[in-house]
């Protein structure tokens, strides 16, 4: 059965419009889920709202959203009043501009959705917009209201459809410099970098997400299956010892490369007779400038 669309509306390029649907590109259906159970009765626990002052449970029909206007003062907002709030992006993805996807810093990318034409009438216009972006090798920028919040999005061609990815607002993204400025600019040995590069070369591979496994999820299922069969649950393994700091970085890299199959000297080539000059990251910046 096809997944239920997360959003239905229109894709617009100038005067060209077509009906589209968004489908979540990811799913949480495989995740192990636990319920909260009353140990004494074996019954599932039900959550219920209670009045913060009286402590008494309240009925569903008495629940209403409130916007705080002061200390213990709230403006009541009805559900139908919220439903009535609409802007263009509530129903239309207006392609406002086009960029190269590589120009978007990865930290801004949020949630992916597949986009498809919603009906047969929209297929031609959808294909024209998709193929035009593919020909120009660009992605479109637009806005969408999802889950009662307007979000910037980037839209790109993907096979017979398109991929829409919501973007984080600039004000929600921490500046890298705010964190990285505290990282000291150390001087590094060029030979050590070469050895590290050798290890990386030997571990190059093709990206294959099918090989990713959630080993923690597997361990949870082993626990569940054991208890279902009345067996003793697997015992926790002793925590691995914390790795100690490397005393001699060059020797550790050399040994690591040898373990990767890099040859007797650990480099796959003649051993450097004389250690190369050290350099700092700031030196590299000046050289590349």
C-alpha atoms as a PDB file:
ATOM      1  CA  UNK A   1       0.000   0.000   0.000  1.00  0.00           C
ATOM      2  CA  UNK A   2       1.349   3.422  -0.986  1.00  0.00           C
ATOM      3  CA  UNK A   3       2.237   5.680   1.971  1.00  0.00           C
ATOM      4  CA  UNK A   4      -0.169   8.482   2.796  1.00  0.00           C
ATOM      5  CA  UNK A   5       0.896  11.903   1.466  1.00  0.00           C
ATOM      6  CA  UNK A   6       2.249  14.274   4.118  1.00  0.00           C
ATOM      7  CA  UNK A   7       1.107  17.355   2.143  1.00  0.00           C
ATOM      8  CA  UNK A   8      -0.961  18.161  -0.945  1.00  0.00           C
ATOM      9  CA  UNK A   9      -0.819  21.425  -2.862  1.00  0.00           C
ATOM     10  CA  UNK A  10       0.647  23.072  -5.945  1.00  0.00           C
ATOM     11  CA  UNK A  11       4.089  23.626  -7.444  1.00  0.00           C
ATOM     12  CA  UNK A  12       4.385  26.971  -9.231  1.00  0.00           C
ATOM     13  CA  UNK A  13       6.965  28.304 -11.687  1.00  0.00           C
ATOM     14  CA  UNK A  14       5.894  31.780 -12.836  1.00  0.00           C
ATOM     15  CA  UNK A  15       2.500  31.172 -14.518  1.00  0.00           C
ATOM     16  CA  UNK A  16       2.924  27.371 -14.698  1.00  0.00           C
ATOM     17  CA  UNK A  17       1.237  25.449 -11.886  1.00  0.00           C
ATOM     18  CA  UNK A  18       0.719  21.745 -11.214  1.00  0.00           C
ATOM     19  CA  UNK A  19      -0.805  19.759  -8.366  1.00  0.00           C
ATOM     20  CA  UNK A  20       1.755  17.818  -6.302  1.00  0.00           C
ATOM     21  CA  UNK A  21       1.978  15.525  -3.298  1.00  0.00           C
ATOM     22  CA  UNK A  22       4.736  15.123  -0.720  1.00  0.00           C
ATOM     23  CA  UNK A  23       5.564  11.762   0.838  1.00  0.00           C
ATOM     24  CA  UNK A  24       7.957  11.284   3.741  1.00  0.00           C
ATOM     25  CA  UNK A  25      11.267   9.978   2.412  1.00  0.00           C
ATOM     26  CA  UNK A  26      12.107   8.345   5.745  1.00  0.00           C
ATOM     27  CA  UNK A  27      10.170   6.154   8.162  1.00  0.00           C
ATOM     28  CA  UNK A  28      10.331   5.199  11.838  1.00  0.00           C
ATOM     29  CA  UNK A  29       8.230   2.048  11.394  1.00  0.00           C
ATOM     30  CA  UNK A  30      11.161  -0.295  12.057  1.00  0.00           C
ATOM     31  CA  UNK A  31      12.005   1.310  15.375  1.00  0.00           C
ATOM     32  CA  UNK A  32      11.495  -0.787  18.511  1.00  0.00           C
ATOM     33  CA  UNK A  33       8.797   0.880  20.597  1.00  0.00           C
ATOM     34  CA  UNK A  34       7.950   0.367  24.249  1.00  0.00           C
ATOM     35  CA  UNK A  35       4.722   1.173  26.083  1.00  0.00           C
ATOM     36  CA  UNK A  36       4.519   2.221  29.740  1.00  0.00           C
ATOM     37  CA  UNK A  37       2.889  -0.575  31.757  1.00  0.00           C
ATOM     38  CA  UNK A  38       1.531  -0.686  35.301  1.00  0.00           C
ATOM     39  CA  UNK A  39       3.793  -3.306  36.905  1.00  0.00           C
ATOM     40  CA  UNK A  40       1.127  -4.201  39.501  1.00  0.00           C
ATOM     41  CA  UNK A  41      -1.720  -4.887  37.027  1.00  0.00           C
ATOM     42  CA  UNK A  42       0.017  -5.457  33.721  1.00  0.00           C
ATOM     43  CA  UNK A  43      -2.228  -2.844  32.132  1.00  0.00           C
ATOM     44  CA  UNK A  44      -0.984  -0.151  29.768  1.00  0.00           C
ATOM     45  CA  UNK A  45      -0.727   3.308  31.310  1.00  0.00           C
ATOM     46  CA  UNK A  46      -2.846   6.044  29.713  1.00  0.00           C
ATOM     47  CA  UNK A  47      -1.711   9.660  29.709  1.00  0.00           C
ATOM     48  CA  UNK A  48      -4.273  12.256  30.724  1.00  0.00           C
ATOM     49  CA  UNK A  49      -4.193  16.031  31.130  1.00  0.00           C
ATOM     50  CA  UNK A  50      -4.996  17.389  34.583  1.00  0.00           C
ATOM     51  CA  UNK A  51      -5.718  20.907  35.734  1.00  0.00           C
ATOM     52  CA  UNK A  52      -2.492  22.376  37.123  1.00  0.00           C
ATOM     53  CA  UNK A  53      -4.348  24.002  40.059  1.00  0.00           C
ATOM     54  CA  UNK A  54      -7.168  21.603  40.964  1.00  0.00           C
ATOM     55  CA  UNK A  55      -5.262  18.461  39.947  1.00  0.00           C
ATOM     56  CA  UNK A  56      -8.470  17.062  38.430  1.00  0.00           C
ATOM     57  CA  UNK A  57      -8.501  15.360  35.006  1.00  0.00           C
ATOM     58  CA  UNK A  58     -10.107  17.388  32.207  1.00  0.00           C
ATOM     59  CA  UNK A  59     -12.277  16.165  29.324  1.00  0.00           C
ATOM     60  CA  UNK A  60     -11.040  16.299  25.735  1.00  0.00           C
ATOM     61  CA  UNK A  61     -13.728  18.820  24.831  1.00  0.00           C
ATOM     62  CA  UNK A  62     -12.538  21.176  27.560  1.00  0.00           C
ATOM     63  CA  UNK A  63      -8.975  21.337  26.187  1.00  0.00           C
ATOM     64  CA  UNK A  64      -8.106  24.533  24.311  1.00  0.00           C
ATOM     65  CA  UNK A  65      -4.847  26.136  23.248  1.00  0.00           C
ATOM     66  CA  UNK A  66      -3.716  29.255  25.096  1.00  0.00           C
ATOM     67  CA  UNK A  67      -1.163  31.937  24.268  1.00  0.00           C
ATOM     68  CA  UNK A  68       0.504  33.374  27.372  1.00  0.00           C
ATOM     69  CA  UNK A  69      -0.036  37.120  27.654  1.00  0.00           C
ATOM     70  CA  UNK A  70       1.110  37.594  31.236  1.00  0.00           C
ATOM     71  CA  UNK A  71       1.701  35.813  34.529  1.00  0.00           C
ATOM     72  CA  UNK A  72      -0.963  33.058  34.602  1.00  0.00           C
ATOM     73  CA  UNK A  73      -2.879  34.912  31.891  1.00  0.00           C
ATOM     74  CA  UNK A  74      -3.695  33.246  28.570  1.00  0.00           C
ATOM     75  CA  UNK A  75      -5.489  34.196  25.388  1.00  0.00           C
ATOM     76  CA  UNK A  76      -7.620  31.211  24.316  1.00  0.00           C
ATOM     77  CA  UNK A  77      -7.260  30.202  20.654  1.00  0.00           C
ATOM     78  CA  UNK A  78      -9.774  27.773  19.168  1.00  0.00           C
ATOM     79  CA  UNK A  79      -8.708  24.970  16.834  1.00  0.00           C
ATOM     80  CA  UNK A  80     -10.869  26.210  13.964  1.00  0.00           C
ATOM     81  CA  UNK A  81      -9.298  29.670  14.309  1.00  0.00           C
ATOM     82  CA  UNK A  82      -5.853  28.142  13.810  1.00  0.00           C
ATOM     83  CA  UNK A  83      -7.110  26.082  10.860  1.00  0.00           C
ATOM     84  CA  UNK A  84      -8.360  29.297   9.238  1.00  0.00           C
ATOM     85  CA  UNK A  85      -4.849  30.832   9.209  1.00  0.00           C
ATOM     86  CA  UNK A  86      -3.544  30.465   5.644  1.00  0.00           C
ATOM     87  CA  UNK A  87      -0.809  32.070   3.572  1.00  0.00           C
ATOM     88  CA  UNK A  88       0.323  31.272   0.026  1.00  0.00           C
ATOM     89  CA  UNK A  89       2.814  28.622   1.181  1.00  0.00           C
ATOM     90  CA  UNK A  90       0.022  26.773   2.977  1.00  0.00           C
ATOM     91  CA  UNK A  91      -1.006  25.361  -0.386  1.00  0.00           C
ATOM     92  CA  UNK A  92       1.525  26.550  -3.009  1.00  0.00           C
ATOM     93  CA  UNK A  93       5.243  25.924  -3.459  1.00  0.00           C
ATOM     94  CA  UNK A  94       6.272  29.008  -5.398  1.00  0.00           C
ATOM     95  CA  UNK A  95       9.734  28.559  -6.923  1.00  0.00           C
ATOM     96  CA  UNK A  96      11.245  31.918  -5.958  1.00  0.00           C
ATOM     97  CA  UNK A  97      14.791  31.344  -7.210  1.00  0.00           C
ATOM     98  CA  UNK A  98      17.364  28.748  -8.202  1.00  0.00           C
ATOM     99  CA  UNK A  99      20.743  27.779  -6.765  1.00  0.00           C
ATOM    100  CA  UNK A 100      23.320  25.060  -7.032  1.00  0.00           C
ATOM    101  CA  UNK A 101      22.538  22.458  -4.347  1.00  0.00           C
ATOM    102  CA  UNK A 102      26.247  22.380  -3.454  1.00  0.00           C
ATOM    103  CA  UNK A 103      26.004  26.041  -2.432  1.00  0.00           C
ATOM    104  CA  UNK A 104      23.766  25.093   0.498  1.00  0.00           C
ATOM    105  CA  UNK A 105      25.744  24.296   3.645  1.00  0.00           C
ATOM    106  CA  UNK A 106      24.784  20.790   4.781  1.00  0.00           C
ATOM    107  CA  UNK A 107      24.019  22.006   8.289  1.00  0.00           C
ATOM    108  CA  UNK A 108      20.915  23.756   6.889  1.00  0.00           C
ATOM    109  CA  UNK A 109      19.427  20.562   5.381  1.00  0.00           C
ATOM    110  CA  UNK A 110      16.636  19.107   7.518  1.00  0.00           C
ATOM    111  CA  UNK A 111      13.906  16.611   6.478  1.00  0.00           C
ATOM    112  CA  UNK A 112      13.538  15.024   2.997  1.00  0.00           C
ATOM    113  CA  UNK A 113      10.265  14.391   1.131  1.00  0.00           C
ATOM    114  CA  UNK A 114       9.544  12.813  -2.241  1.00  0.00           C
ATOM    115  CA  UNK A 115       7.473  14.989  -4.562  1.00  0.00           C
ATOM    116  CA  UNK A 116       5.218  13.543  -7.262  1.00  0.00           C
ATOM    117  CA  UNK A 117       2.422  14.892  -9.493  1.00  0.00           C
ATOM    118  CA  UNK A 118      -0.935  14.581  -7.729  1.00  0.00           C
ATOM    119  CA  UNK A 119      -2.969  13.739 -10.830  1.00  0.00           C
ATOM    120  CA  UNK A 120      -2.646  12.902 -14.522  1.00  0.00           C
ATOM    121  CA  UNK A 121      -3.414  16.462 -15.617  1.00  0.00           C
ATOM    122  CA  UNK A 122      -0.366  17.736 -13.705  1.00  0.00           C
ATOM    123  CA  UNK A 123       2.145  15.220 -15.080  1.00  0.00           C
ATOM    124  CA  UNK A 124       3.281  17.251 -18.116  1.00  0.00           C
ATOM    125  CA  UNK A 125       3.867  20.522 -16.254  1.00  0.00           C
ATOM    126  CA  UNK A 126       5.595  18.624 -13.444  1.00  0.00           C
ATOM    127  CA  UNK A 127       7.929  16.911 -15.940  1.00  0.00           C
ATOM    128  CA  UNK A 128       8.746  20.198 -17.691  1.00  0.00           C
ATOM    129  CA  UNK A 129       9.751  21.893 -14.419  1.00  0.00           C
ATOM    130  CA  UNK A 130      11.729  18.838 -13.312  1.00  0.00           C
ATOM    131  CA  UNK A 131      13.614  18.435 -16.592  1.00  0.00           C
ATOM    132  CA  UNK A 132      14.331  22.161 -16.899  1.00  0.00           C
ATOM    133  CA  UNK A 133      16.007  22.155 -13.481  1.00  0.00           C
ATOM    134  CA  UNK A 134      17.915  19.008 -14.411  1.00  0.00           C
ATOM    135  CA  UNK A 135      19.145  20.581 -17.662  1.00  0.00           C
ATOM    136  CA  UNK A 136      20.330  23.720 -15.860  1.00  0.00           C
ATOM    137  CA  UNK A 137      21.723  21.650 -12.948  1.00  0.00           C
ATOM    138  CA  UNK A 138      19.967  23.813 -10.362  1.00  0.00           C
ATOM    139  CA  UNK A 139      17.655  23.366  -7.393  1.00  0.00           C
ATOM    140  CA  UNK A 140      14.667  25.548  -6.606  1.00  0.00           C
ATOM    141  CA  UNK A 141      14.044  27.528  -3.424  1.00  0.00           C
ATOM    142  CA  UNK A 142      10.506  27.832  -2.081  1.00  0.00           C
ATOM    143  CA  UNK A 143       8.510  27.934   1.150  1.00  0.00           C
ATOM    144  CA  UNK A 144       5.948  25.552   2.604  1.00  0.00           C
ATOM    145  CA  UNK A 145       3.688  25.421   5.647  1.00  0.00           C
ATOM    146  CA  UNK A 146       4.176  22.027   7.300  1.00  0.00           C
ATOM    147  CA  UNK A 147       2.895  21.108  10.740  1.00  0.00           C
ATOM    148  CA  UNK A 148       1.751  24.688  11.363  1.00  0.00           C
ATOM    149  CA  UNK A 149       5.078  26.282  10.622  1.00  0.00           C
ATOM    150  CA  UNK A 150       6.432  27.886   7.452  1.00  0.00           C
ATOM    151  CA  UNK A 151       9.716  26.354   6.381  1.00  0.00           C
ATOM    152  CA  UNK A 152      12.142  27.254   3.596  1.00  0.00           C
ATOM    153  CA  UNK A 153      12.773  24.323   1.249  1.00  0.00           C
ATOM    154  CA  UNK A 154      15.063  23.292  -1.590  1.00  0.00           C
ATOM    155  CA  UNK A 155      13.608  21.237  -4.462  1.00  0.00           C
ATOM    156  CA  UNK A 156      15.714  19.188  -6.882  1.00  0.00           C
ATOM    157  CA  UNK A 157      15.051  16.652  -9.667  1.00  0.00           C
ATOM    158  CA  UNK A 158      15.286  13.008  -8.585  1.00  0.00           C
ATOM    159  CA  UNK A 159      14.731  10.234 -11.140  1.00  0.00           C
ATOM    160  CA  UNK A 160      11.090  10.486 -12.308  1.00  0.00           C
ATOM    161  CA  UNK A 161      10.103  12.763  -9.435  1.00  0.00           C
ATOM    162  CA  UNK A 162      11.670  15.434  -7.249  1.00  0.00           C
ATOM    163  CA  UNK A 163      13.169  15.630  -3.797  1.00  0.00           C
ATOM    164  CA  UNK A 164      12.067  18.400  -1.440  1.00  0.00           C
ATOM    165  CA  UNK A 165      14.230  19.030   1.626  1.00  0.00           C
ATOM    166  CA  UNK A 166      13.144  21.405   4.366  1.00  0.00           C
ATOM    167  CA  UNK A 167      15.801  23.880   5.471  1.00  0.00           C
ATOM    168  CA  UNK A 168      16.643  25.188   8.913  1.00  0.00           C
ATOM    169  CA  UNK A 169      16.323  28.916   9.532  1.00  0.00           C
ATOM    170  CA  UNK A 170      19.589  30.805   9.809  1.00  0.00           C
ATOM    171  CA  UNK A 171      18.755  31.914  13.344  1.00  0.00           C
ATOM    172  CA  UNK A 172      18.453  28.270  14.452  1.00  0.00           C
ATOM    173  CA  UNK A 173      21.906  27.252  13.188  1.00  0.00           C
ATOM    174  CA  UNK A 174      24.877  27.805  15.474  1.00  0.00           C
ATOM    175  CA  UNK A 175      27.901  29.379  13.823  1.00  0.00           C
ATOM    176  CA  UNK A 176      30.766  26.924  13.422  1.00  0.00           C
ATOM    177  CA  UNK A 177      33.231  29.624  14.463  1.00  0.00           C
ATOM    178  CA  UNK A 178      31.492  29.883  17.835  1.00  0.00           C
ATOM    179  CA  UNK A 179      32.633  26.314  18.494  1.00  0.00           C
ATOM    180  CA  UNK A 180      35.765  25.923  16.374  1.00  0.00           C
ATOM    181  CA  UNK A 181      37.416  29.121  17.576  1.00  0.00           C
ATOM    182  CA  UNK A 182      38.257  27.277  20.789  1.00  0.00           C
ATOM    183  CA  UNK A 183      40.148  24.594  18.862  1.00  0.00           C
ATOM    184  CA  UNK A 184      43.853  25.353  19.095  1.00  0.00           C
ATOM    185  CA  UNK A 185      45.864  25.788  15.894  1.00  0.00           C
ATOM    186  CA  UNK A 186      48.522  23.096  16.396  1.00  0.00           C
ATOM    187  CA  UNK A 187      51.585  22.510  14.263  1.00  0.00           C
ATOM    188  CA  UNK A 188      51.378  19.173  12.479  1.00  0.00           C
ATOM    189  CA  UNK A 189      54.056  16.908  11.063  1.00  0.00           C
ATOM    190  CA  UNK A 190      53.733  16.409   7.286  1.00  0.00           C
ATOM    191  CA  UNK A 191      54.881  12.785   7.477  1.00  0.00           C
ATOM    192  CA  UNK A 192      52.162  12.063  10.014  1.00  0.00           C
ATOM    193  CA  UNK A 193      49.586  13.506   7.643  1.00  0.00           C
ATOM    194  CA  UNK A 194      50.941  11.312   4.821  1.00  0.00           C
ATOM    195  CA  UNK A 195      50.597   8.224   7.008  1.00  0.00           C
ATOM    196  CA  UNK A 196      47.019   9.201   7.923  1.00  0.00           C
ATOM    197  CA  UNK A 197      46.297   9.686   4.205  1.00  0.00           C
ATOM    198  CA  UNK A 198      47.624   6.183   3.559  1.00  0.00           C
ATOM    199  CA  UNK A 199      45.180   4.718   6.099  1.00  0.00           C
ATOM    200  CA  UNK A 200      42.322   6.658   4.498  1.00  0.00           C
ATOM    201  CA  UNK A 201      43.298   5.435   1.003  1.00  0.00           C
ATOM    202  CA  UNK A 202      43.105   1.834   2.160  1.00  0.00           C
ATOM    203  CA  UNK A 203      39.657   2.363   3.663  1.00  0.00           C
ATOM    204  CA  UNK A 204      38.036   4.080   0.699  1.00  0.00           C
ATOM    205  CA  UNK A 205      34.715   2.493  -0.252  1.00  0.00           C
ATOM    206  CA  UNK A 206      31.506   3.146  -2.146  1.00  0.00           C
ATOM    207  CA  UNK A 207      28.631   4.567  -0.130  1.00  0.00           C
ATOM    208  CA  UNK A 208      26.144   1.736   0.440  1.00  0.00           C
ATOM    209  CA  UNK A 209      23.432   2.586   2.999  1.00  0.00           C
ATOM    210  CA  UNK A 210      22.084  -0.988   2.816  1.00  0.00           C
ATOM    211  CA  UNK A 211      25.101  -2.056   4.850  1.00  0.00           C
ATOM    212  CA  UNK A 212      24.195   0.224   7.756  1.00  0.00           C
ATOM    213  CA  UNK A 213      22.842  -1.782  10.675  1.00  0.00           C
ATOM    214  CA  UNK A 214      21.451  -0.568  13.972  1.00  0.00           C
ATOM    215  CA  UNK A 215      23.323  -2.941  16.269  1.00  0.00           C
ATOM    216  CA  UNK A 216      21.691  -1.441  19.353  1.00  0.00           C
ATOM    217  CA  UNK A 217      18.238  -2.169  17.871  1.00  0.00           C
ATOM    218  CA  UNK A 218      19.372  -5.732  17.152  1.00  0.00           C
ATOM    219  CA  UNK A 219      20.516  -6.106  20.753  1.00  0.00           C
ATOM    220  CA  UNK A 220      17.122  -4.879  21.988  1.00  0.00           C
ATOM    221  CA  UNK A 221      15.382  -7.478  19.796  1.00  0.00           C
ATOM    222  CA  UNK A 222      17.678 -10.200  21.203  1.00  0.00           C
ATOM    223  CA  UNK A 223      16.557  -9.141  24.681  1.00  0.00           C
ATOM    224  CA  UNK A 224      12.872  -9.205  23.656  1.00  0.00           C
ATOM    225  CA  UNK A 225      13.120 -12.609  21.947  1.00  0.00           C
ATOM    226  CA  UNK A 226      14.926 -14.102  24.946  1.00  0.00           C
ATOM    227  CA  UNK A 227      12.240 -12.897  27.363  1.00  0.00           C
ATOM    228  CA  UNK A 228       9.441 -14.114  25.050  1.00  0.00           C
ATOM    229  CA  UNK A 229      10.946 -17.605  25.175  1.00  0.00           C
ATOM    230  CA  UNK A 230      11.355 -17.443  28.938  1.00  0.00           C
ATOM    231  CA  UNK A 231      15.122 -17.436  28.684  1.00  0.00           C
ATOM    232  CA  UNK A 232      17.531 -15.389  30.715  1.00  0.00           C
ATOM    233  CA  UNK A 233      18.139 -12.014  29.051  1.00  0.00           C
ATOM    234  CA  UNK A 234      21.623 -11.394  27.633  1.00  0.00           C
ATOM    235  CA  UNK A 235      23.923  -9.970  30.281  1.00  0.00           C
ATOM    236  CA  UNK A 236      25.476  -6.586  29.753  1.00  0.00           C
ATOM    237  CA  UNK A 237      28.982  -6.746  28.375  1.00  0.00           C
ATOM    238  CA  UNK A 238      31.663  -5.000  30.427  1.00  0.00           C
ATOM    239  CA  UNK A 239      32.278  -1.476  29.255  1.00  0.00           C
ATOM    240  CA  UNK A 240      35.226  -1.143  26.924  1.00  0.00           C
ATOM    241  CA  UNK A 241      38.229   0.549  28.423  1.00  0.00           C
ATOM    242  CA  UNK A 242      38.633   4.153  27.419  1.00  0.00           C
ATOM    243  CA  UNK A 243      41.378   4.522  24.811  1.00  0.00           C
ATOM    244  CA  UNK A 244      44.466   6.158  26.193  1.00  0.00           C
ATOM    245  CA  UNK A 245      46.049   9.216  24.642  1.00  0.00           C
ATOM    246  CA  UNK A 246      48.620   8.497  21.958  1.00  0.00           C
ATOM    247  CA  UNK A 247      52.109   9.049  23.325  1.00  0.00           C
ATOM    248  CA  UNK A 248      53.867   9.011  19.957  1.00  0.00           C
ATOM    249  CA  UNK A 249      51.448   9.968  17.183  1.00  0.00           C
ATOM    250  CA  UNK A 250      53.879   9.218  14.328  1.00  0.00           C
ATOM    251  CA  UNK A 251      54.613   5.696  15.593  1.00  0.00           C
ATOM    252  CA  UNK A 252      50.924   4.999  16.187  1.00  0.00           C
ATOM    253  CA  UNK A 253      50.060   6.091  12.636  1.00  0.00           C
ATOM    254  CA  UNK A 254      52.927   4.043  11.210  1.00  0.00           C
ATOM    255  CA  UNK A 255      51.776   0.919  13.053  1.00  0.00           C
ATOM    256  CA  UNK A 256      48.161   1.556  12.028  1.00  0.00           C
ATOM    257  CA  UNK A 257      49.122   1.760   8.367  1.00  0.00           C
ATOM    258  CA  UNK A 258      51.143  -1.449   8.674  1.00  0.00           C
ATOM    259  CA  UNK A 259      48.075  -3.161  10.159  1.00  0.00           C
ATOM    260  CA  UNK A 260      46.098  -1.927   7.123  1.00  0.00           C
ATOM    261  CA  UNK A 261      48.570  -3.693   4.835  1.00  0.00           C
ATOM    262  CA  UNK A 262      50.841  -0.782   4.062  1.00  0.00           C
ATOM    263  CA  UNK A 263      54.134  -2.650   3.990  1.00  0.00           C
ATOM    264  CA  UNK A 264      57.028  -3.187   6.369  1.00  0.00           C
ATOM    265  CA  UNK A 265      57.675   0.458   7.009  1.00  0.00           C
ATOM    266  CA  UNK A 266      53.962   1.181   7.351  1.00  0.00           C
ATOM    267  CA  UNK A 267      53.817   3.574   4.429  1.00  0.00           C
ATOM    268  CA  UNK A 268      53.754   1.339   1.383  1.00  0.00           C
ATOM    269  CA  UNK A 269      56.915   3.091   0.163  1.00  0.00           C
ATOM    270  CA  UNK A 270      60.391   3.878   1.358  1.00  0.00           C
ATOM    271  CA  UNK A 271      60.532   5.010   4.957  1.00  0.00           C
ATOM    272  CA  UNK A 272      61.062   8.745   5.280  1.00  0.00           C
ATOM    273  CA  UNK A 273      64.641   9.123   6.410  1.00  0.00           C
ATOM    274  CA  UNK A 274      64.170  12.601   7.723  1.00  0.00           C
ATOM    275  CA  UNK A 275      60.972  13.832   9.280  1.00  0.00           C
ATOM    276  CA  UNK A 276      59.264  16.470   7.188  1.00  0.00           C
ATOM    277  CA  UNK A 277      58.777  19.992   8.358  1.00  0.00           C
ATOM    278  CA  UNK A 278      55.805  20.683  10.531  1.00  0.00           C
ATOM    279  CA  UNK A 279      53.075  23.021   9.457  1.00  0.00           C
ATOM    280  CA  UNK A 280      49.936  24.486  10.920  1.00  0.00           C
ATOM    281  CA  UNK A 281      46.480  24.825   9.431  1.00  0.00           C
ATOM    282  CA  UNK A 282      46.946  28.570   9.293  1.00  0.00           C
ATOM    283  CA  UNK A 283      50.095  28.015   7.174  1.00  0.00           C
ATOM    284  CA  UNK A 284      48.025  26.013   4.697  1.00  0.00           C
ATOM    285  CA  UNK A 285      45.421  28.749   4.530  1.00  0.00           C
ATOM    286  CA  UNK A 286      48.089  31.320   3.636  1.00  0.00           C
ATOM    287  CA  UNK A 287      49.577  29.058   0.961  1.00  0.00           C
ATOM    288  CA  UNK A 288      46.198  28.390  -0.655  1.00  0.00           C
ATOM    289  CA  UNK A 289      45.149  32.041  -0.556  1.00  0.00           C
END
